[in-house]
Amino acid sequence: METKEMSYNELVINGFMALFFNLVMLPALVFLNFLIFGQLPWLSIPVLFVLVLLFVLMLPGYFSQEPNEARVMVFFGEYKGTFKNTGFFWVNPFMNKKKLSLRARNLDVEPIKVNDKIGNPILIGLVLVWKLKDTYKAMFEIDAQTMADSKGTGTASVSVAGRMNAFEDFVRVQSDAALRQVAGQYAYDDNEHDTNELTLRGGGEEINDQLERQLNERLAMAGMEIVEARINYLAYAPEIAAVMLRRQQASAIITAREKIVEGAVSMVKMALDKLAEDGIVELDEEKKAAMVSNLLVVLCADEPAQPVINSGTLNH
């Protein structure tokens, strides 16, 4: 999106030089006025009035600016540019200097309830870092002034804190919308064990990157930039949390059993191959089946098997 932000190129004077003129030169001119026009009061009084008026009018033109701050200059409703230099300056006292902070700010979005791709209600929250990138869009593309007034005293003058809080509210609403959109595109977890499907719990950086892109697209119109966005809370909604916990426990048990059976079969095969290879004993198919059955029972049992000694033959 094309930007209309531009640098302020109107008259800017070093603040200390202007202050010297204001505090030293003007009183000196007043003194000279009395010396020169002391005998002509009809001329001295108007000149004195003009000098005092000039002194008073110069005072609102002073301001100091720290790093990562900016002032949007507006002259009777006309945008004149954005001033980003640091230091102490004096500009036209009739210039409206709207102060903004360009520093990064944190925003912790409270968990919200949404439905994932398969319709399960989940709670999801995020934390993000944002900052102003385009001062023109931030001031004039969204109604920041009215939003700040509604939270303050309602006066025409809005502090930088009130203005930045209004921007933060705008970011919060857009973050809520982006979070709902991204969460609805993916399932919370991989219910079908399809390792190729991206999920909210297993997506990691991919989900965070997509969320960051969505936020930047939404906030570009307001001149704001998302530096980083991360999901910091993810859980099933309370109404289905207990059911889903049992499902996860069952899934974990099944996975563990699969590993146990796989290992037990491997050990039984290794035992049979070793017996046949070393010629320790010859077993027919029936005896192999009995041995396999006994070994699988021992290896796959939940509790240690009790040893039983057979005092007869293998067949009895």
C-alpha atoms as a PDB file:
ATOM      1  CA  MET A   1       0.000   0.000   0.000  1.00  0.00           C
ATOM      2  CA  GLU A   2       1.405   3.389  -1.031  1.00  0.00           C
ATOM      3  CA  THR A   3       2.450   5.660   1.795  1.00  0.00           C
ATOM      4  CA  LYS A   4       1.769   9.389   2.030  1.00  0.00           C
ATOM      5  CA  GLU A   5       4.212   9.974   4.862  1.00  0.00           C
ATOM      6  CA  MET A   6       6.859  12.608   4.147  1.00  0.00           C
ATOM      7  CA  SER A   7       9.571  14.392   6.076  1.00  0.00           C
ATOM      8  CA  TYR A   8       8.864  17.792   7.574  1.00  0.00           C
ATOM      9  CA  ASN A   9      10.798  20.354   5.513  1.00  0.00           C
ATOM     10  CA  GLU A  10       9.409  23.633   6.856  1.00  0.00           C
ATOM     11  CA  LEU A  11      11.322  26.077   9.071  1.00  0.00           C
ATOM     12  CA  VAL A  12      13.060  24.360  12.012  1.00  0.00           C
ATOM     13  CA  ILE A  13      15.412  26.312  14.314  1.00  0.00           C
ATOM     14  CA  ASN A  14      17.728  24.987  16.975  1.00  0.00           C
ATOM     15  CA  GLY A  15      15.833  25.379  20.217  1.00  0.00           C
ATOM     16  CA  PHE A  16      18.731  26.908  22.129  1.00  0.00           C
ATOM     17  CA  MET A  17      19.254  29.597  19.499  1.00  0.00           C
ATOM     18  CA  ALA A  18      15.562  30.454  19.559  1.00  0.00           C
ATOM     19  CA  LEU A  19      15.611  30.441  23.352  1.00  0.00           C
ATOM     20  CA  PHE A  20      18.563  32.846  23.356  1.00  0.00           C
ATOM     21  CA  PHE A  21      16.618  35.204  21.113  1.00  0.00           C
ATOM     22  CA  ASN A  22      13.521  34.845  23.260  1.00  0.00           C
ATOM     23  CA  LEU A  23      15.202  35.409  26.629  1.00  0.00           C
ATOM     24  CA  VAL A  24      18.021  37.789  25.700  1.00  0.00           C
ATOM     25  CA  MET A  25      17.326  39.598  22.464  1.00  0.00           C
ATOM     26  CA  LEU A  26      13.693  40.475  23.122  1.00  0.00           C
ATOM     27  CA  PRO A  27      14.365  42.026  26.571  1.00  0.00           C
ATOM     28  CA  ALA A  28      17.245  43.919  24.975  1.00  0.00           C
ATOM     29  CA  LEU A  29      14.904  45.234  22.302  1.00  0.00           C
ATOM     30  CA  VAL A  30      12.464  46.318  24.996  1.00  0.00           C
ATOM     31  CA  PHE A  31      15.254  48.208  26.731  1.00  0.00           C
ATOM     32  CA  LEU A  32      16.306  49.845  23.459  1.00  0.00           C
ATOM     33  CA  ASN A  33      12.693  50.772  22.850  1.00  0.00           C
ATOM     34  CA  PHE A  34      12.626  52.803  26.056  1.00  0.00           C
ATOM     35  CA  LEU A  35      15.949  54.431  25.227  1.00  0.00           C
ATOM     36  CA  ILE A  36      14.987  55.406  21.712  1.00  0.00           C
ATOM     37  CA  PHE A  37      11.288  56.137  22.058  1.00  0.00           C
ATOM     38  CA  GLY A  38      11.243  57.170  25.707  1.00  0.00           C
ATOM     39  CA  GLN A  39      10.230  60.667  24.771  1.00  0.00           C
ATOM     40  CA  LEU A  40       7.572  59.412  22.346  1.00  0.00           C
ATOM     41  CA  PRO A  41       5.106  57.322  24.419  1.00  0.00           C
ATOM     42  CA  TRP A  42       2.589  57.204  21.595  1.00  0.00           C
ATOM     43  CA  LEU A  43       5.185  55.205  19.602  1.00  0.00           C
ATOM     44  CA  SER A  44       6.871  53.393  22.485  1.00  0.00           C
ATOM     45  CA  ILE A  45       3.744  51.661  23.771  1.00  0.00           C
ATOM     46  CA  PRO A  46       2.741  50.008  20.443  1.00  0.00           C
ATOM     47  CA  VAL A  47       6.327  48.824  19.874  1.00  0.00           C
ATOM     48  CA  LEU A  48       6.437  47.406  23.404  1.00  0.00           C
ATOM     49  CA  PHE A  49       3.128  45.648  22.855  1.00  0.00           C
ATOM     50  CA  VAL A  50       4.431  44.047  19.647  1.00  0.00           C
ATOM     51  CA  LEU A  51       7.630  42.853  21.360  1.00  0.00           C
ATOM     52  CA  VAL A  52       5.735  41.326  24.293  1.00  0.00           C
ATOM     53  CA  LEU A  53       3.288  39.664  21.912  1.00  0.00           C
ATOM     54  CA  LEU A  54       6.203  38.242  19.917  1.00  0.00           C
ATOM     55  CA  PHE A  55       7.745  36.899  23.125  1.00  0.00           C
ATOM     56  CA  VAL A  56       4.515  35.139  24.140  1.00  0.00           C
ATOM     57  CA  LEU A  57       3.791  33.746  20.685  1.00  0.00           C
ATOM     58  CA  MET A  58       7.222  32.145  20.406  1.00  0.00           C
ATOM     59  CA  LEU A  59       6.820  30.028  23.546  1.00  0.00           C
ATOM     60  CA  PRO A  60       4.525  27.262  22.109  1.00  0.00           C
ATOM     61  CA  GLY A  61       7.012  26.594  19.308  1.00  0.00           C
ATOM     62  CA  TYR A  62       9.559  24.846  21.562  1.00  0.00           C
ATOM     63  CA  PHE A  63       9.720  21.070  21.885  1.00  0.00           C
ATOM     64  CA  SER A  64      12.260  18.339  22.612  1.00  0.00           C
ATOM     65  CA  GLN A  65      12.251  14.920  20.985  1.00  0.00           C
ATOM     66  CA  GLU A  66      13.872  11.651  22.075  1.00  0.00           C
ATOM     67  CA  PRO A  67      15.020   8.723  19.896  1.00  0.00           C
ATOM     68  CA  ASN A  68      12.193   6.641  18.370  1.00  0.00           C
ATOM     69  CA  GLU A  69       9.716   9.471  18.716  1.00  0.00           C
ATOM     70  CA  ALA A  70       8.012  11.449  15.962  1.00  0.00           C
ATOM     71  CA  ARG A  71       5.775  14.456  15.589  1.00  0.00           C
ATOM     72  CA  VAL A  72       3.146  14.766  12.898  1.00  0.00           C
ATOM     73  CA  MET A  73       3.059  18.424  11.857  1.00  0.00           C
ATOM     74  CA  VAL A  74      -0.379  19.816  10.946  1.00  0.00           C
ATOM     75  CA  PHE A  75      -0.841  23.475  10.013  1.00  0.00           C
ATOM     76  CA  PHE A  76      -4.504  24.496  10.264  1.00  0.00           C
ATOM     77  CA  GLY A  77      -5.668  21.064   9.074  1.00  0.00           C
ATOM     78  CA  GLU A  78      -2.984  20.578   6.407  1.00  0.00           C
ATOM     79  CA  TYR A  79      -0.430  17.782   6.833  1.00  0.00           C
ATOM     80  CA  LYS A  80       3.056  19.265   6.496  1.00  0.00           C
ATOM     81  CA  GLY A  81       5.176  16.197   7.222  1.00  0.00           C
ATOM     82  CA  THR A  82       6.580  14.039  10.001  1.00  0.00           C
ATOM     83  CA  PHE A  83       9.535  15.232  12.083  1.00  0.00           C
ATOM     84  CA  LYS A  84      11.766  12.425  13.450  1.00  0.00           C
ATOM     85  CA  ASN A  85      15.011  14.210  14.401  1.00  0.00           C
ATOM     86  CA  THR A  86      16.115  14.125  18.032  1.00  0.00           C
ATOM     87  CA  GLY A  87      17.015  17.162  20.105  1.00  0.00           C
ATOM     88  CA  PHE A  88      15.603  20.548  21.141  1.00  0.00           C
ATOM     89  CA  PHE A  89      13.888  22.567  18.403  1.00  0.00           C
ATOM     90  CA  TRP A  90      11.629  25.498  17.639  1.00  0.00           C
ATOM     91  CA  VAL A  91       9.066  25.550  14.834  1.00  0.00           C
ATOM     92  CA  ASN A  92       6.159  27.724  13.816  1.00  0.00           C
ATOM     93  CA  PRO A  93       4.142  28.128  17.054  1.00  0.00           C
ATOM     94  CA  PHE A  94       0.891  27.768  15.094  1.00  0.00           C
ATOM     95  CA  MET A  95       1.949  24.290  13.971  1.00  0.00           C
ATOM     96  CA  ASN A  96      -0.003  21.480  15.641  1.00  0.00           C
ATOM     97  CA  LYS A  97       2.643  18.966  16.750  1.00  0.00           C
ATOM     98  CA  LYS A  98       1.033  15.537  17.320  1.00  0.00           C
ATOM     99  CA  LYS A  99       3.508  13.393  19.234  1.00  0.00           C
ATOM    100  CA  LEU A 100       3.809   9.651  18.505  1.00  0.00           C
ATOM    101  CA  SER A 101       6.016   6.873  19.846  1.00  0.00           C
ATOM    102  CA  LEU A 102       7.815   4.639  17.338  1.00  0.00           C
ATOM    103  CA  ARG A 103       9.039   2.225  20.002  1.00  0.00           C
ATOM    104  CA  ALA A 104       8.051  -1.442  20.081  1.00  0.00           C
ATOM    105  CA  ARG A 105       5.163  -2.356  22.378  1.00  0.00           C
ATOM    106  CA  ASN A 106       3.961  -5.699  23.786  1.00  0.00           C
ATOM    107  CA  LEU A 107       0.364  -6.862  23.652  1.00  0.00           C
ATOM    108  CA  ASP A 108      -0.920  -9.941  25.475  1.00  0.00           C
ATOM    109  CA  VAL A 109      -4.221 -10.989  23.885  1.00  0.00           C
ATOM    110  CA  GLU A 110      -6.406 -12.849  26.366  1.00  0.00           C
ATOM    111  CA  PRO A 111      -7.438 -16.404  25.349  1.00  0.00           C
ATOM    112  CA  ILE A 112     -10.629 -16.497  23.294  1.00  0.00           C
ATOM    113  CA  LYS A 113     -12.967 -19.397  22.541  1.00  0.00           C
ATOM    114  CA  VAL A 114     -13.066 -20.459  18.878  1.00  0.00           C
ATOM    115  CA  ASN A 115     -13.903 -23.589  16.904  1.00  0.00           C
ATOM    116  CA  ASP A 116     -11.037 -25.366  15.185  1.00  0.00           C
ATOM    117  CA  LYS A 117     -11.199 -26.920  11.721  1.00  0.00           C
ATOM    118  CA  ILE A 118     -13.240 -29.936  12.843  1.00  0.00           C
ATOM    119  CA  GLY A 119     -15.547 -27.946  15.105  1.00  0.00           C
ATOM    120  CA  ASN A 120     -13.985 -28.581  18.512  1.00  0.00           C
ATOM    121  CA  PRO A 121     -14.225 -25.553  20.849  1.00  0.00           C
ATOM    122  CA  ILE A 122     -10.762 -24.464  21.969  1.00  0.00           C
ATOM    123  CA  LEU A 123      -9.196 -21.620  23.927  1.00  0.00           C
ATOM    124  CA  ILE A 124      -6.342 -19.827  22.173  1.00  0.00           C
ATOM    125  CA  GLY A 125      -4.359 -16.705  23.029  1.00  0.00           C
ATOM    126  CA  LEU A 126      -1.316 -14.925  21.674  1.00  0.00           C
ATOM    127  CA  VAL A 127       1.343 -12.394  22.550  1.00  0.00           C
ATOM    128  CA  LEU A 128       2.705  -9.991  19.955  1.00  0.00           C
ATOM    129  CA  VAL A 129       5.185  -7.157  19.524  1.00  0.00           C
ATOM    130  CA  TRP A 130       4.067  -4.217  17.381  1.00  0.00           C
ATOM    131  CA  LYS A 131       5.150  -0.689  16.518  1.00  0.00           C
ATOM    132  CA  LEU A 132       4.170   2.239  14.313  1.00  0.00           C
ATOM    133  CA  LYS A 133       5.668   2.184  10.838  1.00  0.00           C
ATOM    134  CA  ASP A 134       3.739   4.874   8.925  1.00  0.00           C
ATOM    135  CA  THR A 135       2.753   7.935  10.952  1.00  0.00           C
ATOM    136  CA  TYR A 136       0.476   9.373   8.251  1.00  0.00           C
ATOM    137  CA  LYS A 137      -1.696   6.240   8.095  1.00  0.00           C
ATOM    138  CA  ALA A 138      -1.737   5.923  11.878  1.00  0.00           C
ATOM    139  CA  MET A 139      -3.006   9.486  12.306  1.00  0.00           C
ATOM    140  CA  PHE A 140      -5.267   9.957   9.298  1.00  0.00           C
ATOM    141  CA  GLU A 141      -6.336   6.535   7.942  1.00  0.00           C
ATOM    142  CA  ILE A 142      -7.994   5.424  11.194  1.00  0.00           C
ATOM    143  CA  ASP A 143      -9.988   7.541  13.640  1.00  0.00           C
ATOM    144  CA  ALA A 144      -7.342   7.530  16.363  1.00  0.00           C
ATOM    145  CA  GLN A 145      -8.259  11.012  17.600  1.00  0.00           C
ATOM    146  CA  THR A 146     -11.871  10.074  18.364  1.00  0.00           C
ATOM    147  CA  MET A 147     -10.834   6.768  19.946  1.00  0.00           C
ATOM    148  CA  ALA A 148      -8.372   8.586  22.204  1.00  0.00           C
ATOM    149  CA  ASP A 149     -10.949  11.273  23.090  1.00  0.00           C
ATOM    150  CA  SER A 150     -13.494   8.627  24.078  1.00  0.00           C
ATOM    151  CA  LYS A 151     -11.080   7.239  26.673  1.00  0.00           C
ATOM    152  CA  GLY A 152      -9.854  10.600  27.949  1.00  0.00           C
ATOM    153  CA  THR A 153     -11.368  13.849  29.023  1.00  0.00           C
ATOM    154  CA  GLY A 154     -12.946  14.597  25.673  1.00  0.00           C
ATOM    155  CA  THR A 155     -10.735  17.649  25.119  1.00  0.00           C
ATOM    156  CA  ALA A 156      -9.134  18.500  21.812  1.00  0.00           C
ATOM    157  CA  SER A 157      -5.646  17.901  23.204  1.00  0.00           C
ATOM    158  CA  VAL A 158      -4.770  14.201  23.441  1.00  0.00           C
ATOM    159  CA  SER A 159      -1.636  12.966  25.186  1.00  0.00           C
ATOM    160  CA  VAL A 160       0.746  10.574  23.490  1.00  0.00           C
ATOM    161  CA  ALA A 161      -0.240   7.890  26.028  1.00  0.00           C
ATOM    162  CA  GLY A 162      -3.922   8.227  25.152  1.00  0.00           C
ATOM    163  CA  ARG A 163      -3.145   8.164  21.446  1.00  0.00           C
ATOM    164  CA  MET A 164      -0.957   5.041  21.752  1.00  0.00           C
ATOM    165  CA  ASN A 165      -3.600   3.315  23.887  1.00  0.00           C
ATOM    166  CA  ALA A 166      -6.113   3.983  21.119  1.00  0.00           C
ATOM    167  CA  PHE A 167      -3.737   2.378  18.626  1.00  0.00           C
ATOM    168  CA  GLU A 168      -3.317  -0.586  20.978  1.00  0.00           C
ATOM    169  CA  ASP A 169      -7.085  -1.091  21.124  1.00  0.00           C
ATOM    170  CA  PHE A 170      -7.148  -1.155  17.325  1.00  0.00           C
ATOM    171  CA  VAL A 171      -4.362  -3.769  17.293  1.00  0.00           C
ATOM    172  CA  ARG A 172      -6.207  -5.836  19.908  1.00  0.00           C
ATOM    173  CA  VAL A 173      -9.421  -6.009  17.874  1.00  0.00           C
ATOM    174  CA  GLN A 174      -7.584  -6.928  14.672  1.00  0.00           C
ATOM    175  CA  SER A 175      -5.523  -9.532  16.551  1.00  0.00           C
ATOM    176  CA  ASP A 176      -8.715 -11.145  17.803  1.00  0.00           C
ATOM    177  CA  ALA A 177     -10.078 -11.355  14.242  1.00  0.00           C
ATOM    178  CA  ALA A 178      -6.821 -12.734  12.798  1.00  0.00           C
ATOM    179  CA  LEU A 179      -6.531 -15.297  15.593  1.00  0.00           C
ATOM    180  CA  ARG A 180     -10.065 -16.566  14.939  1.00  0.00           C
ATOM    181  CA  GLN A 181      -9.365 -16.866  11.222  1.00  0.00           C
ATOM    182  CA  VAL A 182      -6.102 -18.801  11.624  1.00  0.00           C
ATOM    183  CA  ALA A 183      -7.455 -21.062  14.383  1.00  0.00           C
ATOM    184  CA  GLY A 184     -10.440 -22.028  12.219  1.00  0.00           C
ATOM    185  CA  GLN A 185      -8.187 -23.296   9.424  1.00  0.00           C
ATOM    186  CA  TYR A 186      -6.485 -26.047  11.444  1.00  0.00           C
ATOM    187  CA  ALA A 187      -7.416 -28.801  13.861  1.00  0.00           C
ATOM    188  CA  TYR A 188      -6.236 -28.577  17.453  1.00  0.00           C
ATOM    189  CA  ASP A 189      -4.536 -31.961  17.283  1.00  0.00           C
ATOM    190  CA  ASP A 190      -3.908 -34.788  14.831  1.00  0.00           C
ATOM    191  CA  ASN A 191      -6.871 -37.067  15.544  1.00  0.00           C
ATOM    192  CA  GLU A 192      -6.252 -39.359  12.594  1.00  0.00           C
ATOM    193  CA  HIS A 193      -2.481 -39.673  13.139  1.00  0.00           C
ATOM    194  CA  ASP A 194      -1.882 -38.066   9.754  1.00  0.00           C
ATOM    195  CA  THR A 195       1.632 -36.695  10.169  1.00  0.00           C
ATOM    196  CA  ASN A 196       1.316 -34.606   6.997  1.00  0.00           C
ATOM    197  CA  GLU A 197      -1.532 -32.454   8.318  1.00  0.00           C
ATOM    198  CA  LEU A 198      -0.574 -29.210  10.033  1.00  0.00           C
ATOM    199  CA  THR A 199      -2.214 -28.711  13.439  1.00  0.00           C
ATOM    200  CA  LEU A 200      -2.349 -25.889  15.951  1.00  0.00           C
ATOM    201  CA  ARG A 201      -0.505 -27.883  18.586  1.00  0.00           C
ATOM    202  CA  GLY A 202       2.153 -29.255  16.258  1.00  0.00           C
ATOM    203  CA  GLY A 203       2.385 -26.420  13.731  1.00  0.00           C
ATOM    204  CA  GLY A 204       4.876 -24.379  15.728  1.00  0.00           C
ATOM    205  CA  GLU A 205       6.678 -21.763  13.651  1.00  0.00           C
ATOM    206  CA  GLU A 206       4.479 -22.287  10.577  1.00  0.00           C
ATOM    207  CA  ILE A 207       1.324 -21.344  12.488  1.00  0.00           C
ATOM    208  CA  ASN A 208       3.064 -18.366  14.103  1.00  0.00           C
ATOM    209  CA  ASP A 209       4.404 -17.151  10.749  1.00  0.00           C
ATOM    210  CA  GLN A 210       0.951 -17.367   9.167  1.00  0.00           C
ATOM    211  CA  LEU A 211      -0.556 -15.500  12.106  1.00  0.00           C
ATOM    212  CA  GLU A 212       2.097 -12.796  11.734  1.00  0.00           C
ATOM    213  CA  ARG A 213       1.328 -12.418   8.018  1.00  0.00           C
ATOM    214  CA  GLN A 214      -2.404 -12.159   8.684  1.00  0.00           C
ATOM    215  CA  LEU A 215      -1.850  -9.455  11.278  1.00  0.00           C
ATOM    216  CA  ASN A 216       0.485  -7.434   9.057  1.00  0.00           C
ATOM    217  CA  GLU A 217      -2.066  -7.527   6.235  1.00  0.00           C
ATOM    218  CA  ARG A 218      -4.811  -6.287   8.546  1.00  0.00           C
ATOM    219  CA  LEU A 219      -2.719  -3.566  10.197  1.00  0.00           C
ATOM    220  CA  ALA A 220      -1.024  -2.238   7.043  1.00  0.00           C
ATOM    221  CA  MET A 221      -3.908   0.198   6.479  1.00  0.00           C
ATOM    222  CA  ALA A 222      -3.247   1.703   9.924  1.00  0.00           C
ATOM    223  CA  GLY A 223       0.506   2.095   9.435  1.00  0.00           C
ATOM    224  CA  MET A 224       1.360  -0.521  12.056  1.00  0.00           C
ATOM    225  CA  GLU A 225       3.843  -3.384  11.835  1.00  0.00           C
ATOM    226  CA  ILE A 226       3.886  -6.700  13.688  1.00  0.00           C
ATOM    227  CA  VAL A 227       7.456  -7.511  14.699  1.00  0.00           C
ATOM    228  CA  GLU A 228       6.604 -10.890  16.236  1.00  0.00           C
ATOM    229  CA  ALA A 229       3.462 -12.897  16.988  1.00  0.00           C
ATOM    230  CA  ARG A 230       3.364 -16.118  19.010  1.00  0.00           C
ATOM    231  CA  ILE A 231       0.576 -18.362  20.309  1.00  0.00           C
ATOM    232  CA  ASN A 232       1.109 -18.470  24.068  1.00  0.00           C
ATOM    233  CA  TYR A 233      -2.006 -20.356  25.183  1.00  0.00           C
ATOM    234  CA  LEU A 234      -3.729 -23.351  23.608  1.00  0.00           C
ATOM    235  CA  ALA A 235      -6.196 -25.709  25.278  1.00  0.00           C
ATOM    236  CA  TYR A 236      -9.524 -27.409  24.755  1.00  0.00           C
ATOM    237  CA  ALA A 237     -12.567 -25.542  26.062  1.00  0.00           C
ATOM    238  CA  PRO A 238     -13.662 -26.677  29.555  1.00  0.00           C
ATOM    239  CA  GLU A 239     -16.821 -28.405  28.271  1.00  0.00           C
ATOM    240  CA  ILE A 240     -14.830 -30.955  26.248  1.00  0.00           C
ATOM    241  CA  ALA A 241     -11.490 -30.900  28.076  1.00  0.00           C
ATOM    242  CA  ALA A 242     -12.220 -34.051  30.143  1.00  0.00           C
ATOM    243  CA  VAL A 243     -13.370 -36.046  27.104  1.00  0.00           C
ATOM    244  CA  MET A 244     -10.391 -34.982  25.041  1.00  0.00           C
ATOM    245  CA  LEU A 245      -8.036 -35.829  27.906  1.00  0.00           C
ATOM    246  CA  ARG A 246      -9.367 -39.398  27.945  1.00  0.00           C
ATOM    247  CA  ARG A 247      -8.930 -39.556  24.181  1.00  0.00           C
ATOM    248  CA  GLN A 248      -5.344 -38.394  24.488  1.00  0.00           C
ATOM    249  CA  GLN A 249      -4.710 -40.934  27.248  1.00  0.00           C
ATOM    250  CA  ALA A 250      -6.204 -43.715  25.121  1.00  0.00           C
ATOM    251  CA  SER A 251      -4.119 -42.628  22.158  1.00  0.00           C
ATOM    252  CA  ALA A 252      -0.980 -42.643  24.317  1.00  0.00           C
ATOM    253  CA  ILE A 253      -1.783 -46.132  25.638  1.00  0.00           C
ATOM    254  CA  ILE A 254      -2.362 -47.469  22.116  1.00  0.00           C
ATOM    255  CA  THR A 255       0.902 -45.963  20.907  1.00  0.00           C
ATOM    256  CA  ALA A 256       2.784 -47.458  23.865  1.00  0.00           C
ATOM    257  CA  ARG A 257       1.201 -50.875  23.293  1.00  0.00           C
ATOM    258  CA  GLU A 258       2.198 -50.772  19.630  1.00  0.00           C
ATOM    259  CA  LYS A 259       5.807 -50.167  20.626  1.00  0.00           C
ATOM    260  CA  ILE A 260       5.694 -52.952  23.223  1.00  0.00           C
ATOM    261  CA  VAL A 261       4.223 -55.481  20.780  1.00  0.00           C
ATOM    262  CA  GLU A 262       6.693 -54.471  18.090  1.00  0.00           C
ATOM    263  CA  GLY A 263       9.593 -54.947  20.485  1.00  0.00           C
ATOM    264  CA  ALA A 264       8.223 -58.240  21.845  1.00  0.00           C
ATOM    265  CA  VAL A 265       7.791 -59.729  18.366  1.00  0.00           C
ATOM    266  CA  SER A 266      11.334 -58.673  17.495  1.00  0.00           C
ATOM    267  CA  MET A 267      12.713 -60.332  20.648  1.00  0.00           C
ATOM    268  CA  VAL A 268      10.764 -63.569  20.051  1.00  0.00           C
ATOM    269  CA  LYS A 269      12.004 -63.744  16.460  1.00  0.00           C
ATOM    270  CA  MET A 270      15.563 -63.155  17.629  1.00  0.00           C
ATOM    271  CA  ALA A 271      15.236 -65.959  20.221  1.00  0.00           C
ATOM    272  CA  LEU A 272      13.885 -68.467  17.688  1.00  0.00           C
ATOM    273  CA  ASP A 273      16.550 -67.550  15.125  1.00  0.00           C
ATOM    274  CA  LYS A 274      19.309 -67.869  17.722  1.00  0.00           C
ATOM    275  CA  LEU A 275      18.099 -71.301  18.877  1.00  0.00           C
ATOM    276  CA  ALA A 276      17.940 -72.560  15.295  1.00  0.00           C
ATOM    277  CA  GLU A 277      21.284 -71.015  14.344  1.00  0.00           C
ATOM    278  CA  ASP A 278      23.200 -72.490  17.290  1.00  0.00           C
ATOM    279  CA  GLY A 279      21.401 -75.848  17.096  1.00  0.00           C
ATOM    280  CA  ILE A 280      20.585 -75.815  20.788  1.00  0.00           C
ATOM    281  CA  VAL A 281      17.221 -77.466  20.350  1.00  0.00           C
ATOM    282  CA  GLU A 282      14.972 -78.432  17.468  1.00  0.00           C
ATOM    283  CA  LEU A 283      11.397 -77.245  17.750  1.00  0.00           C
ATOM    284  CA  ASP A 284       8.497 -78.231  15.561  1.00  0.00           C
ATOM    285  CA  GLU A 285       5.800 -75.727  14.598  1.00  0.00           C
ATOM    286  CA  GLU A 286       3.588 -76.603  17.544  1.00  0.00           C
ATOM    287  CA  LYS A 287       6.396 -76.074  20.060  1.00  0.00           C
ATOM    288  CA  LYS A 288       7.422 -72.832  18.353  1.00  0.00           C
ATOM    289  CA  ALA A 289       3.826 -71.591  18.630  1.00  0.00           C
ATOM    290  CA  ALA A 290       3.748 -72.456  22.335  1.00  0.00           C
ATOM    291  CA  MET A 291       7.086 -70.715  22.905  1.00  0.00           C
ATOM    292  CA  VAL A 292       5.953 -67.633  21.004  1.00  0.00           C
ATOM    293  CA  SER A 293       2.729 -67.512  23.021  1.00  0.00           C
ATOM    294  CA  ASN A 294       4.544 -67.786  26.352  1.00  0.00           C
ATOM    295  CA  LEU A 295       7.178 -65.186  25.454  1.00  0.00           C
ATOM    296  CA  LEU A 296       4.580 -62.698  24.197  1.00  0.00           C
ATOM    297  CA  VAL A 297       2.562 -63.103  27.406  1.00  0.00           C
ATOM    298  CA  VAL A 298       5.667 -62.414  29.496  1.00  0.00           C
ATOM    299  CA  LEU A 299       6.938 -59.499  27.401  1.00  0.00           C
ATOM    300  CA  CYS A 300       3.583 -57.776  26.871  1.00  0.00           C
ATOM    301  CA  ALA A 301       2.162 -58.197  30.376  1.00  0.00           C
ATOM    302  CA  ASP A 302       1.491 -55.124  32.510  1.00  0.00           C
ATOM    303  CA  GLU A 303       3.017 -56.820  35.547  1.00  0.00           C
ATOM    304  CA  PRO A 304       6.040 -59.131  35.864  1.00  0.00           C
ATOM    305  CA  ALA A 305       5.109 -62.766  35.168  1.00  0.00           C
ATOM    306  CA  GLN A 306       5.468 -65.359  37.945  1.00  0.00           C
ATOM    307  CA  PRO A 307       7.940 -68.101  36.982  1.00  0.00           C
ATOM    308  CA  VAL A 308       6.475 -71.646  36.786  1.00  0.00           C
ATOM    309  CA  ILE A 309       8.757 -74.682  36.577  1.00  0.00           C
ATOM    310  CA  ASN A 310       7.504 -77.572  34.418  1.00  0.00           C
ATOM    311  CA  SER A 311       8.677 -80.833  36.029  1.00  0.00           C
ATOM    312  CA  GLY A 312       7.452 -82.993  33.164  1.00  0.00           C
ATOM    313  CA  THR A 313       8.261 -83.041  29.462  1.00  0.00           C
ATOM    314  CA  LEU A 314       7.523 -80.324  26.967  1.00  0.00           C
ATOM    315  CA  ASN A 315       4.332 -82.149  25.955  1.00  0.00           C
ATOM    316  CA  HIS A 316       2.976 -82.680  29.475  1.00  0.00           C
END
